[in-house]
PDB file of N, CA and C in Angstrom:
ATOM      1  N   MET A   1      15.759  11.270  36.892  1.00  0.00           N
ATOM      2  CA  MET A   1      16.317  10.096  36.231  1.00  0.00           C
ATOM      3  C   MET A   1      15.239   9.311  35.494  1.00  0.00           C
ATOM      4  N   THR A   2      14.057   9.190  36.065  1.00  0.00           N
ATOM      5  CA  THR A   2      12.990   8.409  35.447  1.00  0.00           C
ATOM      6  C   THR A   2      12.490   9.053  34.161  1.00  0.00           C
ATOM      7  N   GLU A   3      12.343  10.342  34.135  1.00  0.00           N
ATOM      8  CA  GLU A   3      11.821  11.034  32.952  1.00  0.00           C
ATOM      9  C   GLU A   3      12.724  10.864  31.722  1.00  0.00           C
ATOM     10  N   PRO A   4      14.050  11.043  31.847  1.00  0.00           N
ATOM     11  CA  PRO A   4      14.900  10.820  30.669  1.00  0.00           C
ATOM     12  C   PRO A   4      14.885   9.366  30.185  1.00  0.00           C
ATOM     13  N   VAL A   5      14.820   8.428  31.109  1.00  0.00           N
ATOM     14  CA  VAL A   5      14.772   7.014  30.717  1.00  0.00           C
ATOM     15  C   VAL A   5      13.473   6.722  29.986  1.00  0.00           C
ATOM     16  N   LEU A   6      12.377   7.239  30.483  1.00  0.00           N
ATOM     17  CA  LEU A   6      11.084   7.055  29.827  1.00  0.00           C
ATOM     18  C   LEU A   6      11.095   7.688  28.435  1.00  0.00           C
ATOM     19  N   ALA A   7      11.642   8.883  28.328  1.00  0.00           N
ATOM     20  CA  ALA A   7      11.729   9.542  27.019  1.00  0.00           C
ATOM     21  C   ALA A   7      12.587   8.722  26.054  1.00  0.00           C
ATOM     22  N   LEU A   8      13.672   8.155  26.544  1.00  0.00           N
ATOM     23  CA  LEU A   8      14.534   7.326  25.703  1.00  0.00           C
ATOM     24  C   LEU A   8      13.794   6.083  25.231  1.00  0.00           C
ATOM     25  N   LEU A   9      13.076   5.427  26.117  1.00  0.00           N
ATOM     26  CA  LEU A   9      12.327   4.234  25.730  1.00  0.00           C
ATOM     27  C   LEU A   9      11.240   4.551  24.709  1.00  0.00           C
ATOM     28  N   ILE A  10      10.553   5.665  24.901  1.00  0.00           N
ATOM     29  CA  ILE A  10       9.525   6.081  23.945  1.00  0.00           C
ATOM     30  C   ILE A  10      10.164   6.387  22.588  1.00  0.00           C
ATOM     31  N   PHE A  11      11.340   6.966  22.599  1.00  0.00           N
ATOM     32  CA  PHE A  11      12.041   7.255  21.348  1.00  0.00           C
ATOM     33  C   PHE A  11      12.520   5.975  20.673  1.00  0.00           C
ATOM     34  N   LEU A  12      12.996   5.011  21.449  1.00  0.00           N
ATOM     35  CA  LEU A  12      13.565   3.791  20.875  1.00  0.00           C
ATOM     36  C   LEU A  12      12.512   2.797  20.399  1.00  0.00           C
ATOM     37  N   PHE A  13      11.303   2.839  20.930  1.00  0.00           N
ATOM     38  CA  PHE A  13      10.275   1.868  20.538  1.00  0.00           C
ATOM     39  C   PHE A  13      10.037   1.843  19.031  1.00  0.00           C
ATOM     40  N   PRO A  14       9.773   2.978  18.380  1.00  0.00           N
ATOM     41  CA  PRO A  14       9.586   2.921  16.921  1.00  0.00           C
ATOM     42  C   PRO A  14      10.847   2.495  16.176  1.00  0.00           C
ATOM     43  N   LEU A  15      12.002   2.861  16.699  1.00  0.00           N
ATOM     44  CA  LEU A  15      13.243   2.495  16.023  1.00  0.00           C
ATOM     45  C   LEU A  15      13.485   0.996  16.071  1.00  0.00           C
ATOM     46  N   ALA A  16      13.040   0.360  17.122  1.00  0.00           N
ATOM     47  CA  ALA A  16      13.277  -1.074  17.279  1.00  0.00           C
ATOM     48  C   ALA A  16      12.338  -1.921  16.438  1.00  0.00           C
ATOM     49  N   TYR A  17      11.153  -1.432  16.146  1.00  0.00           N
ATOM     50  CA  TYR A  17      10.148  -2.261  15.491  1.00  0.00           C
ATOM     51  C   TYR A  17       9.752  -1.803  14.095  1.00  0.00           C
ATOM     52  N   SER A  18      10.508  -0.933  13.495  1.00  0.00           N
ATOM     53  CA  SER A  18      10.130  -0.475  12.158  1.00  0.00           C
ATOM     54  C   SER A  18      11.339  -0.448  11.239  1.00  0.00           C
ATOM     55  N   PRO A  19      11.096  -0.573   9.956  1.00  0.00           N
ATOM     56  CA  PRO A  19      12.192  -0.436   8.997  1.00  0.00           C
ATOM     57  C   PRO A  19      12.620   1.026   8.842  1.00  0.00           C
ATOM     58  N   GLY A  20      13.649   1.260   8.078  1.00  0.00           N
ATOM     59  CA  GLY A  20      14.264   2.582   7.929  1.00  0.00           C
ATOM     60  C   GLY A  20      13.343   3.748   7.670  1.00  0.00           C
ATOM     61  N   PRO A  21      12.453   3.692   6.672  1.00  0.00           N
ATOM     62  CA  PRO A  21      11.612   4.860   6.397  1.00  0.00           C
ATOM     63  C   PRO A  21      10.712   5.240   7.574  1.00  0.00           C
ATOM     64  N   GLY A  22      10.303   4.275   8.343  1.00  0.00           N
ATOM     65  CA  GLY A  22       9.485   4.570   9.519  1.00  0.00           C
ATOM     66  C   GLY A  22      10.249   5.388  10.542  1.00  0.00           C
ATOM     67  N   ASN A  23      11.538   5.126  10.667  1.00  0.00           N
ATOM     68  CA  ASN A  23      12.359   5.890  11.611  1.00  0.00           C
ATOM     69  C   ASN A  23      12.342   7.372  11.267  1.00  0.00           C
ATOM     70  N   MET A  24      12.468   7.668   9.980  1.00  0.00           N
ATOM     71  CA  MET A  24      12.448   9.069   9.555  1.00  0.00           C
ATOM     72  C   MET A  24      11.077   9.691   9.794  1.00  0.00           C
ATOM     73  N   LEU A  25      10.025   8.938   9.538  1.00  0.00           N
ATOM     74  CA  LEU A  25       8.670   9.427   9.768  1.00  0.00           C
ATOM     75  C   LEU A  25       8.468   9.794  11.229  1.00  0.00           C
ATOM     76  N   PHE A  26       8.864   8.909  12.137  1.00  0.00           N
ATOM     77  CA  PHE A  26       8.660   9.168  13.564  1.00  0.00           C
ATOM     78  C   PHE A  26       9.522  10.320  14.057  1.00  0.00           C
ATOM     79  N   ALA A  27      10.762  10.383  13.602  1.00  0.00           N
ATOM     80  CA  ALA A  27      11.638  11.472  14.034  1.00  0.00           C
ATOM     81  C   ALA A  27      11.105  12.827  13.557  1.00  0.00           C
ATOM     82  N   ALA A  28      10.695  12.896  12.302  1.00  0.00           N
ATOM     83  CA  ALA A  28      10.194  14.163  11.758  1.00  0.00           C
ATOM     84  C   ALA A  28       8.863  14.564  12.401  1.00  0.00           C
ATOM     85  N   ASN A  29       7.941  13.616  12.500  1.00  0.00           N
ATOM     86  CA  ASN A  29       6.650  13.928  13.112  1.00  0.00           C
ATOM     87  C   ASN A  29       6.796  14.307  14.574  1.00  0.00           C
ATOM     88  N   GLY A  30       7.649  13.599  15.292  1.00  0.00           N
ATOM     89  CA  GLY A  30       7.868  13.931  16.702  1.00  0.00           C
ATOM     90  C   GLY A  30       8.462  15.312  16.872  1.00  0.00           C
ATOM     91  N   ALA A  31       9.391  15.676  16.007  1.00  0.00           N
ATOM     92  CA  ALA A  31      10.029  16.992  16.099  1.00  0.00           C
ATOM     93  C   ALA A  31       9.057  18.112  15.752  1.00  0.00           C
ATOM     94  N   VAL A  32       8.186  17.878  14.768  1.00  0.00           N
ATOM     95  CA  VAL A  32       7.284  18.933  14.310  1.00  0.00           C
ATOM     96  C   VAL A  32       6.022  19.011  15.168  1.00  0.00           C
ATOM     97  N   PHE A  33       5.403  17.863  15.438  1.00  0.00           N
ATOM     98  CA  PHE A  33       4.090  17.856  16.086  1.00  0.00           C
ATOM     99  C   PHE A  33       4.114  17.461  17.555  1.00  0.00           C
ATOM    100  N   GLY A  34       5.176  16.861  18.050  1.00  0.00           N
ATOM    101  CA  GLY A  34       5.255  16.427  19.435  1.00  0.00           C
ATOM    102  C   GLY A  34       4.816  14.989  19.597  1.00  0.00           C
ATOM    103  N   LEU A  35       5.101  14.444  20.752  1.00  0.00           N
ATOM    104  CA  LEU A  35       4.856  13.031  21.029  1.00  0.00           C
ATOM    105  C   LEU A  35       3.373  12.671  20.963  1.00  0.00           C
ATOM    106  N   ARG A  36       2.542  13.418  21.657  1.00  0.00           N
ATOM    107  CA  ARG A  36       1.126  13.070  21.749  1.00  0.00           C
ATOM    108  C   ARG A  36       0.451  13.019  20.374  1.00  0.00           C
ATOM    109  N   ALA A  37       0.763  13.966  19.513  1.00  0.00           N
ATOM    110  CA  ALA A  37       0.153  14.000  18.183  1.00  0.00           C
ATOM    111  C   ALA A  37       0.717  12.906  17.271  1.00  0.00           C
ATOM    112  N   THR A  38       1.894  12.390  17.590  1.00  0.00           N
ATOM    113  CA  THR A  38       2.544  11.384  16.753  1.00  0.00           C
ATOM    114  C   THR A  38       2.126   9.968  17.120  1.00  0.00           C
ATOM    115  N   LEU A  39       1.597   9.751  18.310  1.00  0.00           N
ATOM    116  CA  LEU A  39       1.240   8.396  18.754  1.00  0.00           C
ATOM    117  C   LEU A  39       0.237   7.682  17.843  1.00  0.00           C
ATOM    118  N   PRO A  40      -0.828   8.321  17.360  1.00  0.00           N
ATOM    119  CA  PRO A  40      -1.731   7.608  16.444  1.00  0.00           C
ATOM    120  C   PRO A  40      -1.038   7.164  15.156  1.00  0.00           C
ATOM    121  N   ALA A  41      -0.164   7.994  14.619  1.00  0.00           N
ATOM    122  CA  ALA A  41       0.571   7.602  13.413  1.00  0.00           C
ATOM    123  C   ALA A  41       1.495   6.431  13.705  1.00  0.00           C
ATOM    124  N   SER A  42       2.120   6.449  14.863  1.00  0.00           N
ATOM    125  CA  SER A  42       3.000   5.345  15.260  1.00  0.00           C
ATOM    126  C   SER A  42       2.226   4.048  15.390  1.00  0.00           C
ATOM    127  N   ALA A  43       1.096   4.098  16.056  1.00  0.00           N
ATOM    128  CA  ALA A  43       0.274   2.890  16.233  1.00  0.00           C
ATOM    129  C   ALA A  43      -0.202   2.360  14.879  1.00  0.00           C
ATOM    130  N   GLY A  44      -0.668   3.248  14.017  1.00  0.00           N
ATOM    131  CA  GLY A  44      -1.132   2.824  12.701  1.00  0.00           C
ATOM    132  C   GLY A  44      -0.026   2.231  11.858  1.00  0.00           C
ATOM    133  N   TYR A  45       1.140   2.829  11.924  1.00  0.00           N
ATOM    134  CA  TYR A  45       2.280   2.321  11.149  1.00  0.00           C
ATOM    135  C   TYR A  45       2.645   0.904  11.606  1.00  0.00           C
ATOM    136  N   HIS A  46       2.698   0.703  12.916  1.00  0.00           N
ATOM    137  CA  HIS A  46       3.073  -0.616  13.434  1.00  0.00           C
ATOM    138  C   HIS A  46       1.992  -1.660  13.166  1.00  0.00           C
ATOM    139  N   LEU A  47       0.747  -1.282  13.316  1.00  0.00           N
ATOM    140  CA  LEU A  47      -0.326  -2.237  13.013  1.00  0.00           C
ATOM    141  C   LEU A  47      -0.297  -2.642  11.542  1.00  0.00           C
ATOM    142  N   ALA A  48      -0.064  -1.692  10.659  1.00  0.00           N
ATOM    143  CA  ALA A  48       0.010  -2.008   9.230  1.00  0.00           C
ATOM    144  C   ALA A  48       1.210  -2.896   8.924  1.00  0.00           C
ATOM    145  N   THR A  49       2.330  -2.627   9.560  1.00  0.00           N
ATOM    146  CA  THR A  49       3.523  -3.463   9.345  1.00  0.00           C
ATOM    147  C   THR A  49       3.275  -4.876   9.823  1.00  0.00           C
ATOM    148  N   TRP A  50       2.684  -5.014  11.017  1.00  0.00           N
ATOM    149  CA  TRP A  50       2.403  -6.356  11.549  1.00  0.00           C
ATOM    150  C   TRP A  50       1.382  -7.075  10.682  1.00  0.00           C
ATOM    151  N   ALA A  51       0.379  -6.360  10.198  1.00  0.00           N
ATOM    152  CA  ALA A  51      -0.645  -6.983   9.353  1.00  0.00           C
ATOM    153  C   ALA A  51      -0.056  -7.414   8.012  1.00  0.00           C
ATOM    154  N   ALA A  52       0.827  -6.602   7.454  1.00  0.00           N
ATOM    155  CA  ALA A  52       1.422  -6.928   6.155  1.00  0.00           C
ATOM    156  C   ALA A  52       2.380  -8.107   6.243  1.00  0.00           C
ATOM    157  N   THR A  53       3.068  -8.230   7.353  1.00  0.00           N
ATOM    158  CA  THR A  53       4.027  -9.321   7.506  1.00  0.00           C
ATOM    159  C   THR A  53       3.399 -10.549   8.138  1.00  0.00           C
ATOM    160  N   GLY A  54       2.209 -10.409   8.664  1.00  0.00           N
ATOM    161  CA  GLY A  54       1.523 -11.520   9.318  1.00  0.00           C
ATOM    162  C   GLY A  54       1.894 -11.590  10.782  1.00  0.00           C
ATOM    163  N   LEU A  55       0.885 -11.517  11.619  1.00  0.00           N
ATOM    164  CA  LEU A  55       1.143 -11.627  13.049  1.00  0.00           C
ATOM    165  C   LEU A  55       1.536 -13.060  13.362  1.00  0.00           C
ATOM    166  N   PRO A  56       2.593 -13.261  14.146  1.00  0.00           N
ATOM    167  CA  PRO A  56       2.967 -14.633  14.490  1.00  0.00           C
ATOM    168  C   PRO A  56       1.881 -15.275  15.346  1.00  0.00           C
ATOM    169  N   ALA A  57       1.443 -16.419  14.912  1.00  0.00           N
ATOM    170  CA  ALA A  57       0.404 -17.144  15.650  1.00  0.00           C
ATOM    171  C   ALA A  57       1.043 -17.867  16.834  1.00  0.00           C
ATOM    172  N   PRO A  58       0.433 -17.782  18.014  1.00  0.00           N
ATOM    173  CA  PRO A  58       1.004 -18.475  19.178  1.00  0.00           C
ATOM    174  C   PRO A  58       1.145 -19.986  18.956  1.00  0.00           C
ATOM    175  N   SER A  59       0.193 -20.592  18.263  1.00  0.00           N
ATOM    176  CA  SER A  59       0.291 -22.034  18.061  1.00  0.00           C
ATOM    177  C   SER A  59       1.456 -22.388  17.136  1.00  0.00           C
ATOM    178  N   ALA A  60       1.726 -21.570  16.124  1.00  0.00           N
ATOM    179  CA  ALA A  60       2.852 -21.815  15.229  1.00  0.00           C
ATOM    180  C   ALA A  60       4.176 -21.653  15.974  1.00  0.00           C
ATOM    181  N   THR A  61       4.239 -20.661  16.849  1.00  0.00           N
ATOM    182  CA  THR A  61       5.451 -20.453  17.629  1.00  0.00           C
ATOM    183  C   THR A  61       5.685 -21.620  18.572  1.00  0.00           C
ATOM    184  N   THR A  62       4.639 -22.077  19.216  1.00  0.00           N
ATOM    185  CA  THR A  62       4.757 -23.199  20.138  1.00  0.00           C
ATOM    186  C   THR A  62       5.206 -24.446  19.412  1.00  0.00           C
ATOM    187  N   LYS A  63       4.632 -24.713  18.237  1.00  0.00           N
ATOM    188  CA  LYS A  63       5.012 -25.893  17.454  1.00  0.00           C
ATOM    189  C   LYS A  63       6.457 -25.795  16.997  1.00  0.00           C
ATOM    190  N   ALA A  64       6.896 -24.606  16.599  1.00  0.00           N
ATOM    191  CA  ALA A  64       8.280 -24.439  16.131  1.00  0.00           C
ATOM    192  C   ALA A  64       9.271 -24.639  17.270  1.00  0.00           C
ATOM    193  N   LEU A  65       8.935 -24.190  18.451  1.00  0.00           N
ATOM    194  CA  LEU A  65       9.836 -24.324  19.588  1.00  0.00           C
ATOM    195  C   LEU A  65       9.874 -25.752  20.129  1.00  0.00           C
ATOM    196  N   SER A  66       8.758 -26.478  20.025  1.00  0.00           N
ATOM    197  CA  SER A  66       8.717 -27.844  20.575  1.00  0.00           C
ATOM    198  C   SER A  66       9.345 -28.854  19.637  1.00  0.00           C
ATOM    199  N   GLY A  67       9.594 -28.461  18.405  1.00  0.00           N
ATOM    200  CA  GLY A  67      10.282 -29.354  17.464  1.00  0.00           C
ATOM    201  C   GLY A  67       9.325 -30.089  16.659  1.00  0.00           C
TER     202      GLY A  67
END
């Protein structure tokens, strides 16, 4: 039971945090090269996305929530 749940979570992580083209990239790379070989591409894709959109600053989040 634990192994399928872990595999599902690993599969859903890129889908939850990336736009459409990234989903196709991860699905194709995972199918062709396997999970271990795809992890560096996944990390790089997410870091680039976060850098391009700007990482949310904790102080800005705190100020927005406090009003």
